[in-house]
Each structure stands twice: as structure tokens, then as C-alpha cells.
């Protein structure tokens, strides 16, 4: 039973790999569009993290 739960969790964590690697084989044009979105998200995530931290401390005081 425990192994089944671990396998289910493992498959959930492969979404990023599916989008970045396997989609290229299935649909290259969609993979290129998806890559652009992921790259923008990656380049902006440190800013969102900083804003979230700022909000957290503003609401604590």
C-alpha cells in the first residue's frame, strides 16, 4: 500500500519533466510556447517571492 502511494506521488512530481522534455517529442510547437512561459516564470519567481515575504511581514505587525 505504501509503495502505491509513493508511486502516485512520484508521477505527480514529473509534470515539469513532461512539459519540458516529453512534450518536445509529441508537439514541438506547443513545447516551444510552453518553454517561453516557463522561462518567464522562472525569471520572475524571485520577485514574487520577495513580494510575498514583504506582505507577510506587513501583516504581522
PDB file of N, CA and C in Angstrom:
ATOM      1  N   UNK A   1       0.822  -1.192   0.000  1.00  0.00           N
ATOM      2  CA  UNK A   1       0.000   0.000   0.000  1.00  0.00           C
ATOM      3  C   UNK A   1       0.868   1.259   0.000  1.00  0.00           C
ATOM      4  N   UNK A   2       1.909   1.281   0.831  1.00  0.00           N
ATOM      5  CA  UNK A   2       2.779   2.449   0.912  1.00  0.00           C
ATOM      6  C   UNK A   2       3.487   2.686  -0.420  1.00  0.00           C
ATOM      7  N   UNK A   3       3.913   1.628  -1.091  1.00  0.00           N
ATOM      8  CA  UNK A   3       4.610   1.778  -2.367  1.00  0.00           C
ATOM      9  C   UNK A   3       3.673   2.394  -3.407  1.00  0.00           C
ATOM     10  N   UNK A   4       2.413   2.042  -3.375  1.00  0.00           N
ATOM     11  CA  UNK A   4       1.452   2.600  -4.320  1.00  0.00           C
ATOM     12  C   UNK A   4       1.345   4.117  -4.117  1.00  0.00           C
ATOM     13  N   UNK A   5       1.295   4.558  -2.863  1.00  0.00           N
ATOM     14  CA  UNK A   5       1.222   5.995  -2.588  1.00  0.00           C
ATOM     15  C   UNK A   5       2.489   6.695  -3.065  1.00  0.00           C
ATOM     16  N   UNK A   6       3.632   6.081  -2.857  1.00  0.00           N
ATOM     17  CA  UNK A   6       4.874   6.687  -3.305  1.00  0.00           C
ATOM     18  C   UNK A   6       4.918   6.795  -4.822  1.00  0.00           C
ATOM     19  N   UNK A   7       4.443   5.790  -5.506  1.00  0.00           N
ATOM     20  CA  UNK A   7       4.423   5.844  -6.963  1.00  0.00           C
ATOM     21  C   UNK A   7       3.508   6.957  -7.448  1.00  0.00           C
ATOM     22  N   UNK A   8       2.352   7.113  -6.825  1.00  0.00           N
ATOM     23  CA  UNK A   8       1.436   8.175  -7.220  1.00  0.00           C
ATOM     24  C   UNK A   8       2.101   9.533  -7.023  1.00  0.00           C
ATOM     25  N   UNK A   9       2.765   9.715  -5.908  1.00  0.00           N
ATOM     26  CA  UNK A   9       3.444  10.976  -5.638  1.00  0.00           C
ATOM     27  C   UNK A   9       4.550  11.209  -6.652  1.00  0.00           C
ATOM     28  N   UNK A  10       5.286  10.177  -6.995  1.00  0.00           N
ATOM     29  CA  UNK A  10       6.360  10.300  -7.974  1.00  0.00           C
ATOM     30  C   UNK A  10       5.825  10.815  -9.300  1.00  0.00           C
ATOM     31  N   UNK A  11       4.714  10.279  -9.738  1.00  0.00           N
ATOM     32  CA  UNK A  11       4.164  10.697 -11.023  1.00  0.00           C
ATOM     33  C   UNK A  11       3.702  12.145 -11.001  1.00  0.00           C
ATOM     34  N   UNK A  12       3.221  12.590  -9.876  1.00  0.00           N
ATOM     35  CA  UNK A  12       2.805  13.981  -9.766  1.00  0.00           C
ATOM     36  C   UNK A  12       4.009  14.904  -9.931  1.00  0.00           C
ATOM     37  N   UNK A  13       5.158  14.507  -9.426  1.00  0.00           N
ATOM     38  CA  UNK A  13       6.334  15.366  -9.477  1.00  0.00           C
ATOM     39  C   UNK A  13       6.992  15.389 -10.848  1.00  0.00           C
ATOM     40  N   UNK A  14       6.548  14.601 -11.799  1.00  0.00           N
ATOM     41  CA  UNK A  14       7.181  14.589 -13.120  1.00  0.00           C
ATOM     42  C   UNK A  14       6.498  15.530 -14.105  1.00  0.00           C
ATOM     43  N   UNK A  15       5.567  16.343 -13.648  1.00  0.00           N
ATOM     44  CA  UNK A  15       4.879  17.249 -14.565  1.00  0.00           C
ATOM     45  C   UNK A  15       5.854  18.177 -15.273  1.00  0.00           C
ATOM     46  N   UNK A  16       6.800  18.707 -14.533  1.00  0.00           N
ATOM     47  CA  UNK A  16       7.763  19.622 -15.147  1.00  0.00           C
ATOM     48  C   UNK A  16       8.572  18.909 -16.217  1.00  0.00           C
ATOM     49  N   UNK A  17       8.983  17.698 -15.938  1.00  0.00           N
ATOM     50  CA  UNK A  17       9.747  16.930 -16.922  1.00  0.00           C
ATOM     51  C   UNK A  17       8.888  16.633 -18.157  1.00  0.00           C
ATOM     52  N   UNK A  18       7.619  16.307 -17.937  1.00  0.00           N
ATOM     53  CA  UNK A  18       6.720  16.062 -19.068  1.00  0.00           C
ATOM     54  C   UNK A  18       6.628  17.289 -19.963  1.00  0.00           C
ATOM     55  N   UNK A  19       6.470  18.438 -19.339  1.00  0.00           N
ATOM     56  CA  UNK A  19       6.301  19.669 -20.103  1.00  0.00           C
ATOM     57  C   UNK A  19       7.589  20.055 -20.816  1.00  0.00           C
ATOM     58  N   UNK A  20       8.714  19.882 -20.167  1.00  0.00           N
ATOM     59  CA  UNK A  20       9.965  20.348 -20.763  1.00  0.00           C
ATOM     60  C   UNK A  20      10.594  19.359 -21.736  1.00  0.00           C
ATOM     61  N   UNK A  21      10.502  18.077 -21.457  1.00  0.00           N
ATOM     62  CA  UNK A  21      11.210  17.106 -22.295  1.00  0.00           C
ATOM     63  C   UNK A  21      10.285  16.285 -23.193  1.00  0.00           C
ATOM     64  N   UNK A  22       9.282  15.704 -22.632  1.00  0.00           N
ATOM     65  CA  UNK A  22       8.448  14.777 -23.409  1.00  0.00           C
ATOM     66  C   UNK A  22       7.538  15.492 -24.393  1.00  0.00           C
ATOM     67  N   UNK A  23       7.093  16.697 -24.051  1.00  0.00           N
ATOM     68  CA  UNK A  23       6.224  17.443 -24.946  1.00  0.00           C
ATOM     69  C   UNK A  23       6.948  17.778 -26.244  1.00  0.00           C
ATOM     70  N   UNK A  24       8.250  17.949 -26.194  1.00  0.00           N
ATOM     71  CA  UNK A  24       9.041  18.233 -27.387  1.00  0.00           C
ATOM     72  C   UNK A  24       8.886  17.124 -28.419  1.00  0.00           C
ATOM     73  N   UNK A  25       8.799  15.898 -27.960  1.00  0.00           N
ATOM     74  CA  UNK A  25       8.657  14.767 -28.866  1.00  0.00           C
ATOM     75  C   UNK A  25       7.239  14.667 -29.422  1.00  0.00           C
ATOM     76  N   UNK A  26       6.263  15.074 -28.615  1.00  0.00           N
ATOM     77  CA  UNK A  26       4.868  14.930 -29.020  1.00  0.00           C
ATOM     78  C   UNK A  26       4.409  16.098 -29.886  1.00  0.00           C
ATOM     79  N   UNK A  27       4.722  17.322 -29.446  1.00  0.00           N
ATOM     80  CA  UNK A  27       4.253  18.512 -30.151  1.00  0.00           C
ATOM     81  C   UNK A  27       5.300  19.619 -30.002  1.00  0.00           C
ATOM     82  N   UNK A  28       6.254  19.703 -30.920  1.00  0.00           N
ATOM     83  CA  UNK A  28       7.358  20.657 -30.799  1.00  0.00           C
ATOM     84  C   UNK A  28       6.924  22.127 -30.738  1.00  0.00           C
ATOM     85  N   UNK A  29       5.906  22.512 -31.499  1.00  0.00           N
ATOM     86  CA  UNK A  29       5.492  23.917 -31.485  1.00  0.00           C
ATOM     87  C   UNK A  29       4.867  24.291 -30.141  1.00  0.00           C
ATOM     88  N   UNK A  30       4.066  23.399 -29.580  1.00  0.00           N
ATOM     89  CA  UNK A  30       3.478  23.647 -28.266  1.00  0.00           C
ATOM     90  C   UNK A  30       4.568  23.652 -27.198  1.00  0.00           C
ATOM     91  N   UNK A  31       5.557  22.794 -27.359  1.00  0.00           N
ATOM     92  CA  UNK A  31       6.671  22.751 -26.410  1.00  0.00           C
ATOM     93  C   UNK A  31       7.441  24.065 -26.420  1.00  0.00           C
ATOM     94  N   UNK A  32       7.619  24.667 -27.578  1.00  0.00           N
ATOM     95  CA  UNK A  32       8.333  25.944 -27.679  1.00  0.00           C
ATOM     96  C   UNK A  32       7.556  27.050 -26.966  1.00  0.00           C
ATOM     97  N   UNK A  33       6.247  27.083 -27.156  1.00  0.00           N
ATOM     98  CA  UNK A  33       5.418  28.078 -26.472  1.00  0.00           C
ATOM     99  C   UNK A  33       5.461  27.870 -24.964  1.00  0.00           C
ATOM    100  N   UNK A  34       5.374  26.633 -24.555  1.00  0.00           N
ATOM    101  CA  UNK A  34       5.405  26.304 -23.132  1.00  0.00           C
ATOM    102  C   UNK A  34       6.736  26.691 -22.523  1.00  0.00           C
ATOM    103  N   UNK A  35       7.815  26.461 -23.239  1.00  0.00           N
ATOM    104  CA  UNK A  35       9.147  26.818 -22.754  1.00  0.00           C
ATOM    105  C   UNK A  35       9.247  28.313 -22.499  1.00  0.00           C
ATOM    106  N   UNK A  36       8.654  29.132 -23.387  1.00  0.00           N
ATOM    107  CA  UNK A  36       8.681  30.586 -23.197  1.00  0.00           C
ATOM    108  C   UNK A  36       7.984  30.969 -21.887  1.00  0.00           C
ATOM    109  N   UNK A  37       6.824  30.379 -21.643  1.00  0.00           N
ATOM    110  CA  UNK A  37       6.075  30.678 -20.422  1.00  0.00           C
ATOM    111  C   UNK A  37       6.867  30.257 -19.192  1.00  0.00           C
ATOM    112  N   UNK A  38       7.454  29.069 -19.226  1.00  0.00           N
ATOM    113  CA  UNK A  38       8.248  28.585 -18.092  1.00  0.00           C
ATOM    114  C   UNK A  38       9.473  29.465 -17.844  1.00  0.00           C
ATOM    115  N   UNK A  39      10.100  29.936 -18.914  1.00  0.00           N
ATOM    116  CA  UNK A  39      11.277  30.794 -18.763  1.00  0.00           C
ATOM    117  C   UNK A  39      10.915  32.133 -18.126  1.00  0.00           C
ATOM    118  N   UNK A  40       9.783  32.706 -18.532  1.00  0.00           N
ATOM    119  CA  UNK A  40       9.329  33.964 -17.925  1.00  0.00           C
ATOM    120  C   UNK A  40       9.026  33.739 -16.451  1.00  0.00           C
ATOM    121  N   UNK A  41       8.332  32.653 -16.146  1.00  0.00           N
ATOM    122  CA  UNK A  41       8.001  32.341 -14.765  1.00  0.00           C
ATOM    123  C   UNK A  41       9.275  32.184 -13.924  1.00  0.00           C
ATOM    124  N   UNK A  42      10.252  31.501 -14.462  1.00  0.00           N
ATOM    125  CA  UNK A  42      11.496  31.271 -13.725  1.00  0.00           C
ATOM    126  C   UNK A  42      12.244  32.584 -13.490  1.00  0.00           C
ATOM    127  N   UNK A  43      12.218  33.466 -14.483  1.00  0.00           N
ATOM    128  CA  UNK A  43      12.939  34.727 -14.337  1.00  0.00           C
ATOM    129  C   UNK A  43      12.255  35.690 -13.375  1.00  0.00           C
ATOM    130  N   UNK A  44      10.966  35.495 -13.109  1.00  0.00           N
ATOM    131  CA  UNK A  44      10.222  36.400 -12.237  1.00  0.00           C
ATOM    132  C   UNK A  44       9.944  35.838 -10.852  1.00  0.00           C
ATOM    133  N   UNK A  45      10.226  34.594 -10.607  1.00  0.00           N
ATOM    134  CA  UNK A  45       9.794  33.988  -9.350  1.00  0.00           C
ATOM    135  C   UNK A  45      10.499  34.567  -8.133  1.00  0.00           C
ATOM    136  N   UNK A  46      11.742  35.030  -8.271  1.00  0.00           N
ATOM    137  CA  UNK A  46      12.411  35.629  -7.125  1.00  0.00           C
ATOM    138  C   UNK A  46      11.731  36.943  -6.726  1.00  0.00           C
ATOM    139  N   UNK A  47      11.175  37.646  -7.687  1.00  0.00           N
ATOM    140  CA  UNK A  47      10.460  38.881  -7.390  1.00  0.00           C
ATOM    141  C   UNK A  47       9.163  38.570  -6.649  1.00  0.00           C
ATOM    142  N   UNK A  48       8.433  37.562  -7.124  1.00  0.00           N
ATOM    143  CA  UNK A  48       7.185  37.171  -6.443  1.00  0.00           C
ATOM    144  C   UNK A  48       7.463  36.690  -5.030  1.00  0.00           C
ATOM    145  N   UNK A  49       8.554  35.977  -4.849  1.00  0.00           N
ATOM    146  CA  UNK A  49       8.918  35.507  -3.512  1.00  0.00           C
ATOM    147  C   UNK A  49       9.212  36.664  -2.577  1.00  0.00           C
ATOM    148  N   UNK A  50       9.919  37.662  -3.082  1.00  0.00           N
ATOM    149  CA  UNK A  50      10.211  38.843  -2.269  1.00  0.00           C
ATOM    150  C   UNK A  50       8.962  39.610  -1.906  1.00  0.00           C
ATOM    151  N   UNK A  51       8.052  39.741  -2.848  1.00  0.00           N
ATOM    152  CA  UNK A  51       6.793  40.440  -2.572  1.00  0.00           C
ATOM    153  C   UNK A  51       5.952  39.672  -1.562  1.00  0.00           C
ATOM    154  N   UNK A  52       5.944  38.371  -1.658  1.00  0.00           N
ATOM    155  CA  UNK A  52       5.190  37.549  -0.704  1.00  0.00           C
ATOM    156  C   UNK A  52       5.760  37.696   0.701  1.00  0.00           C
ATOM    157  N   UNK A  53       7.078  37.729   0.800  1.00  0.00           N
ATOM    158  CA  UNK A  53       7.719  37.905   2.108  1.00  0.00           C
ATOM    159  C   UNK A  53       7.395  39.288   2.672  1.00  0.00           C
ATOM    160  N   UNK A  54       7.437  40.299   1.829  1.00  0.00           N
ATOM    161  CA  UNK A  54       7.109  41.664   2.254  1.00  0.00           C
ATOM    162  C   UNK A  54       5.680  41.716   2.787  1.00  0.00           C
ATOM    163  N   UNK A  55       4.748  41.128   2.056  1.00  0.00           N
ATOM    164  CA  UNK A  55       3.346  41.086   2.501  1.00  0.00           C
ATOM    165  C   UNK A  55       3.208  40.367   3.835  1.00  0.00           C
ATOM    166  N   UNK A  56       3.923  39.290   3.982  1.00  0.00           N
ATOM    167  CA  UNK A  56       3.860  38.517   5.213  1.00  0.00           C
ATOM    168  C   UNK A  56       4.239  39.374   6.406  1.00  0.00           C
ATOM    169  N   UNK A  57       5.346  40.106   6.292  1.00  0.00           N
ATOM    170  CA  UNK A  57       5.808  40.909   7.424  1.00  0.00           C
ATOM    171  C   UNK A  57       4.977  42.165   7.613  1.00  0.00           C
ATOM    172  N   UNK A  58       4.370  42.688   6.562  1.00  0.00           N
ATOM    173  CA  UNK A  58       3.476  43.844   6.716  1.00  0.00           C
ATOM    174  C   UNK A  58       2.242  43.476   7.527  1.00  0.00           C
ATOM    175  N   UNK A  59       1.755  42.263   7.330  1.00  0.00           N
ATOM    176  CA  UNK A  59       0.541  41.825   8.041  1.00  0.00           C
ATOM    177  C   UNK A  59       0.829  41.334   9.454  1.00  0.00           C
ATOM    178  N   UNK A  60       2.081  41.055   9.771  1.00  0.00           N
ATOM    179  CA  UNK A  60       2.411  40.571  11.112  1.00  0.00           C
ATOM    180  C   UNK A  60       2.450  41.704  12.114  1.00  0.00           C
ATOM    181  N   UNK A  61       2.771  42.894  11.711  1.00  0.00           N
ATOM    182  CA  UNK A  61       2.929  43.989  12.667  1.00  0.00           C
ATOM    183  C   UNK A  61       1.700  44.800  12.830  1.00  0.00           C
TER     184      UNK A  61
END
